[in-house]
Amino acid sequence: MKIREACSSDIPQMAFLMVQLGYPTTVEQMRIRFEKISAEPSYHTLVIEVEGKVVGMSGLCTGIFYESDGIYVRIVAFVVDDNYRKKGLGKLLLAESEEWAMSKGAAGIVLNSGNRTERIAAHAFYKAMGYREKSTGFTKQL
């Protein structure tokens, strides 16, 4: 097991993980997204691999607080392959994500998670890892 920064060779597996997260994604779409994400200094992508296969990812970005001093990190994508869940990999990946946030001087970490029924197990996992549930807010597609 190894956690590391994502690279372009991980794109096919990251596309597969996006599908598991509930967002249909082709390899080409993921390639375009990852190229843009990788070019942004405020973004960081971690992957966890088992026996050379990427089985999870954490997409992170830093932000600046309006309401207080300092920065925060937002986990905008977090997923472990269905076949590798309940083996402690999510805990390790989340801990590494938190370590990265602390290394950036973040005062807090925010996690995005959909409110669909298939996300109930994920929400229980986040709560068990010490995350508090807050309002989901609003979104509008432009």
C-alpha atoms as a PDB file:
ATOM      1  CA  MET A   1       0.000   0.000   0.000  1.00  0.00           C
ATOM      2  CA  LYS A   2       1.297   3.421  -0.942  1.00  0.00           C
ATOM      3  CA  ILE A   3      -0.151   6.947  -0.864  1.00  0.00           C
ATOM      4  CA  ARG A   4       1.334   9.438  -3.296  1.00  0.00           C
ATOM      5  CA  GLU A   5       0.610  12.434  -5.474  1.00  0.00           C
ATOM      6  CA  ALA A   6      -1.417  11.526  -8.561  1.00  0.00           C
ATOM      7  CA  CYS A   7       0.237  11.558 -11.985  1.00  0.00           C
ATOM      8  CA  SER A   8      -0.985  11.339 -15.568  1.00  0.00           C
ATOM      9  CA  SER A   9      -0.649   7.549 -15.686  1.00  0.00           C
ATOM     10  CA  ASP A  10      -3.347   7.387 -12.980  1.00  0.00           C
ATOM     11  CA  ILE A  11      -5.982   9.036 -15.191  1.00  0.00           C
ATOM     12  CA  PRO A  12      -7.765   5.843 -16.367  1.00  0.00           C
ATOM     13  CA  GLN A  13      -8.201   4.603 -12.809  1.00  0.00           C
ATOM     14  CA  MET A  14      -9.237   8.062 -11.578  1.00  0.00           C
ATOM     15  CA  ALA A  15     -11.922   8.118 -14.292  1.00  0.00           C
ATOM     16  CA  PHE A  16     -13.138   4.724 -13.027  1.00  0.00           C
ATOM     17  CA  LEU A  17     -13.211   6.072  -9.467  1.00  0.00           C
ATOM     18  CA  MET A  18     -15.251   9.106 -10.564  1.00  0.00           C
ATOM     19  CA  VAL A  19     -17.824   6.699 -12.020  1.00  0.00           C
ATOM     20  CA  GLN A  20     -17.951   4.867  -8.679  1.00  0.00           C
ATOM     21  CA  LEU A  21     -18.442   8.214  -6.968  1.00  0.00           C
ATOM     22  CA  GLY A  22     -21.530   8.695  -9.128  1.00  0.00           C
ATOM     23  CA  TYR A  23     -20.130  10.977 -11.842  1.00  0.00           C
ATOM     24  CA  PRO A  24     -19.961   9.285 -15.261  1.00  0.00           C
ATOM     25  CA  THR A  25     -16.532  10.165 -16.630  1.00  0.00           C
ATOM     26  CA  THR A  26     -14.578   8.990 -19.645  1.00  0.00           C
ATOM     27  CA  VAL A  27     -10.815   8.659 -19.601  1.00  0.00           C
ATOM     28  CA  GLU A  28     -10.565  11.573 -22.029  1.00  0.00           C
ATOM     29  CA  GLN A  29     -12.740  13.764 -19.812  1.00  0.00           C
ATOM     30  CA  MET A  30     -10.591  12.877 -16.808  1.00  0.00           C
ATOM     31  CA  ARG A  31      -7.446  13.628 -18.789  1.00  0.00           C
ATOM     32  CA  ILE A  32      -8.704  17.135 -19.613  1.00  0.00           C
ATOM     33  CA  ARG A  33      -9.836  17.741 -16.031  1.00  0.00           C
ATOM     34  CA  PHE A  34      -6.606  16.453 -14.519  1.00  0.00           C
ATOM     35  CA  GLU A  35      -4.484  18.604 -16.829  1.00  0.00           C
ATOM     36  CA  LYS A  36      -6.371  21.701 -15.625  1.00  0.00           C
ATOM     37  CA  ILE A  37      -6.316  20.605 -11.985  1.00  0.00           C
ATOM     38  CA  SER A  38      -2.595  19.812 -12.097  1.00  0.00           C
ATOM     39  CA  ALA A  39      -1.870  23.283 -13.459  1.00  0.00           C
ATOM     40  CA  GLU A  40      -3.555  24.947 -10.470  1.00  0.00           C
ATOM     41  CA  PRO A  41      -1.156  25.442  -7.553  1.00  0.00           C
ATOM     42  CA  SER A  42      -4.015  25.482  -5.035  1.00  0.00           C
ATOM     43  CA  TYR A  43      -5.066  21.935  -6.019  1.00  0.00           C
ATOM     44  CA  HIS A  44      -3.514  18.632  -5.002  1.00  0.00           C
ATOM     45  CA  THR A  45      -4.535  15.060  -5.809  1.00  0.00           C
ATOM     46  CA  LEU A  46      -3.533  12.073  -3.717  1.00  0.00           C
ATOM     47  CA  VAL A  47      -3.992   8.458  -4.736  1.00  0.00           C
ATOM     48  CA  ILE A  48      -3.703   5.263  -2.763  1.00  0.00           C
ATOM     49  CA  GLU A  49      -2.443   2.203  -4.558  1.00  0.00           C
ATOM     50  CA  VAL A  50      -2.414  -1.456  -3.614  1.00  0.00           C
ATOM     51  CA  GLU A  51      -0.047  -3.781  -5.443  1.00  0.00           C
ATOM     52  CA  GLY A  52       0.535  -1.114  -8.090  1.00  0.00           C
ATOM     53  CA  LYS A  53      -3.183  -0.432  -8.722  1.00  0.00           C
ATOM     54  CA  VAL A  54      -4.764   2.922  -7.842  1.00  0.00           C
ATOM     55  CA  VAL A  55      -7.769   2.089  -5.671  1.00  0.00           C
ATOM     56  CA  GLY A  56      -8.631   5.467  -4.163  1.00  0.00           C
ATOM     57  CA  MET A  57      -8.163   9.179  -4.521  1.00  0.00           C
ATOM     58  CA  SER A  58      -8.526  12.408  -2.630  1.00  0.00           C
ATOM     59  CA  GLY A  59      -8.905  15.678  -4.529  1.00  0.00           C
ATOM     60  CA  LEU A  60      -7.927  18.668  -2.409  1.00  0.00           C
ATOM     61  CA  CYS A  61      -7.816  22.411  -2.825  1.00  0.00           C
ATOM     62  CA  THR A  62      -6.835  25.281  -0.590  1.00  0.00           C
ATOM     63  CA  GLY A  63      -8.965  28.338   0.005  1.00  0.00           C
ATOM     64  CA  ILE A  64      -8.698  31.585   1.914  1.00  0.00           C
ATOM     65  CA  PHE A  65     -11.207  32.380   4.642  1.00  0.00           C
ATOM     66  CA  TYR A  66     -13.294  35.513   4.301  1.00  0.00           C
ATOM     67  CA  GLU A  67     -14.630  35.243   7.824  1.00  0.00           C
ATOM     68  CA  SER A  68     -11.331  34.688   9.664  1.00  0.00           C
ATOM     69  CA  ASP A  69      -7.580  34.700   9.165  1.00  0.00           C
ATOM     70  CA  GLY A  70      -5.813  31.857   7.437  1.00  0.00           C
ATOM     71  CA  ILE A  71      -6.575  29.178   4.913  1.00  0.00           C
ATOM     72  CA  TYR A  72      -8.594  25.999   4.805  1.00  0.00           C
ATOM     73  CA  VAL A  73      -8.476  22.872   2.671  1.00  0.00           C
ATOM     74  CA  ARG A  74     -11.533  21.452   0.959  1.00  0.00           C
ATOM     75  CA  ILE A  75     -11.737  17.810  -0.020  1.00  0.00           C
ATOM     76  CA  VAL A  76     -13.690  18.051  -3.252  1.00  0.00           C
ATOM     77  CA  ALA A  77     -13.457  14.397  -4.311  1.00  0.00           C
ATOM     78  CA  PHE A  78     -12.857  11.404  -2.071  1.00  0.00           C
ATOM     79  CA  VAL A  79     -13.402   7.807  -3.109  1.00  0.00           C
ATOM     80  CA  VAL A  80     -12.119   4.295  -2.525  1.00  0.00           C
ATOM     81  CA  ASP A  81     -12.883   1.539  -5.039  1.00  0.00           C
ATOM     82  CA  ASP A  82     -15.903  -0.556  -3.949  1.00  0.00           C
ATOM     83  CA  ASN A  83     -13.742  -3.685  -3.944  1.00  0.00           C
ATOM     84  CA  TYR A  84     -11.267  -2.159  -1.479  1.00  0.00           C
ATOM     85  CA  ARG A  85     -13.616  -0.562   1.044  1.00  0.00           C
ATOM     86  CA  LYS A  86     -13.748  -1.573   4.703  1.00  0.00           C
ATOM     87  CA  LYS A  87     -10.025  -2.412   4.693  1.00  0.00           C
ATOM     88  CA  GLY A  88      -8.790   0.789   6.369  1.00  0.00           C
ATOM     89  CA  LEU A  89      -7.604   2.409   3.136  1.00  0.00           C
ATOM     90  CA  GLY A  90     -10.059   5.298   3.392  1.00  0.00           C
ATOM     91  CA  LYS A  91      -8.814   6.076   6.908  1.00  0.00           C
ATOM     92  CA  LEU A  92      -5.223   6.148   5.691  1.00  0.00           C
ATOM     93  CA  LEU A  93      -6.062   8.316   2.679  1.00  0.00           C
ATOM     94  CA  LEU A  94      -8.104  10.737   4.789  1.00  0.00           C
ATOM     95  CA  ALA A  95      -5.298  10.958   7.364  1.00  0.00           C
ATOM     96  CA  GLU A  96      -2.798  11.739   4.583  1.00  0.00           C
ATOM     97  CA  SER A  97      -5.173  14.382   3.222  1.00  0.00           C
ATOM     98  CA  GLU A  98      -5.310  15.964   6.671  1.00  0.00           C
ATOM     99  CA  GLU A  99      -1.512  15.841   6.928  1.00  0.00           C
ATOM    100  CA  TRP A 100      -1.241  17.667   3.602  1.00  0.00           C
ATOM    101  CA  ALA A 101      -3.724  20.284   4.852  1.00  0.00           C
ATOM    102  CA  MET A 102      -1.662  20.828   8.002  1.00  0.00           C
ATOM    103  CA  SER A 103       1.530  21.098   5.951  1.00  0.00           C
ATOM    104  CA  LYS A 104      -0.103  23.996   4.079  1.00  0.00           C
ATOM    105  CA  GLY A 105      -0.937  25.712   7.368  1.00  0.00           C
ATOM    106  CA  ALA A 106      -4.671  25.121   7.059  1.00  0.00           C
ATOM    107  CA  ALA A 107      -6.780  26.031  10.069  1.00  0.00           C
ATOM    108  CA  GLY A 108      -9.494  23.580   9.062  1.00  0.00           C
ATOM    109  CA  ILE A 109     -10.632  21.047   6.523  1.00  0.00           C
ATOM    110  CA  VAL A 110     -13.998  20.906   4.757  1.00  0.00           C
ATOM    111  CA  LEU A 111     -15.345  17.877   2.968  1.00  0.00           C
ATOM    112  CA  ASN A 112     -17.901  17.923   0.163  1.00  0.00           C
ATOM    113  CA  SER A 113     -20.256  14.951   0.036  1.00  0.00           C
ATOM    114  CA  GLY A 114     -23.516  14.592  -1.831  1.00  0.00           C
ATOM    115  CA  ASN A 115     -26.761  14.052   0.021  1.00  0.00           C
ATOM    116  CA  ARG A 116     -27.922  11.096  -2.087  1.00  0.00           C
ATOM    117  CA  THR A 117     -29.036   7.936  -0.294  1.00  0.00           C
ATOM    118  CA  GLU A 118     -26.065   5.988  -1.679  1.00  0.00           C
ATOM    119  CA  ARG A 119     -23.801   8.360   0.272  1.00  0.00           C
ATOM    120  CA  ILE A 120     -25.175   7.322   3.701  1.00  0.00           C
ATOM    121  CA  ALA A 121     -22.291   4.883   4.367  1.00  0.00           C
ATOM    122  CA  ALA A 122     -19.766   7.546   3.344  1.00  0.00           C
ATOM    123  CA  HIS A 123     -21.376  10.039   5.739  1.00  0.00           C
ATOM    124  CA  ALA A 124     -21.140   7.512   8.578  1.00  0.00           C
ATOM    125  CA  PHE A 125     -17.453   7.018   7.741  1.00  0.00           C
ATOM    126  CA  TYR A 126     -16.764  10.773   7.804  1.00  0.00           C
ATOM    127  CA  LYS A 127     -18.547  11.150  11.138  1.00  0.00           C
ATOM    128  CA  ALA A 128     -16.536   8.228  12.565  1.00  0.00           C
ATOM    129  CA  MET A 129     -13.393  10.061  11.411  1.00  0.00           C
ATOM    130  CA  GLY A 130     -14.371  13.148  13.435  1.00  0.00           C
ATOM    131  CA  TYR A 131     -16.126  15.265  10.784  1.00  0.00           C
ATOM    132  CA  ARG A 132     -19.249  17.222  11.722  1.00  0.00           C
ATOM    133  CA  GLU A 133     -22.199  17.404   9.392  1.00  0.00           C
ATOM    134  CA  LYS A 134     -23.153  20.898   8.222  1.00  0.00           C
ATOM    135  CA  SER A 135     -25.698  22.229   5.786  1.00  0.00           C
ATOM    136  CA  THR A 136     -25.115  21.255   2.180  1.00  0.00           C
ATOM    137  CA  GLY A 137     -25.773  24.766   0.871  1.00  0.00           C
ATOM    138  CA  PHE A 138     -27.131  25.529  -2.552  1.00  0.00           C
ATOM    139  CA  THR A 139     -25.890  25.160  -6.096  1.00  0.00           C
ATOM    140  CA  LYS A 140     -26.948  26.464  -9.453  1.00  0.00           C
ATOM    141  CA  GLN A 141     -25.737  25.165 -12.771  1.00  0.00           C
ATOM    142  CA  LEU A 142     -24.607  27.960 -15.078  1.00  0.00           C
END
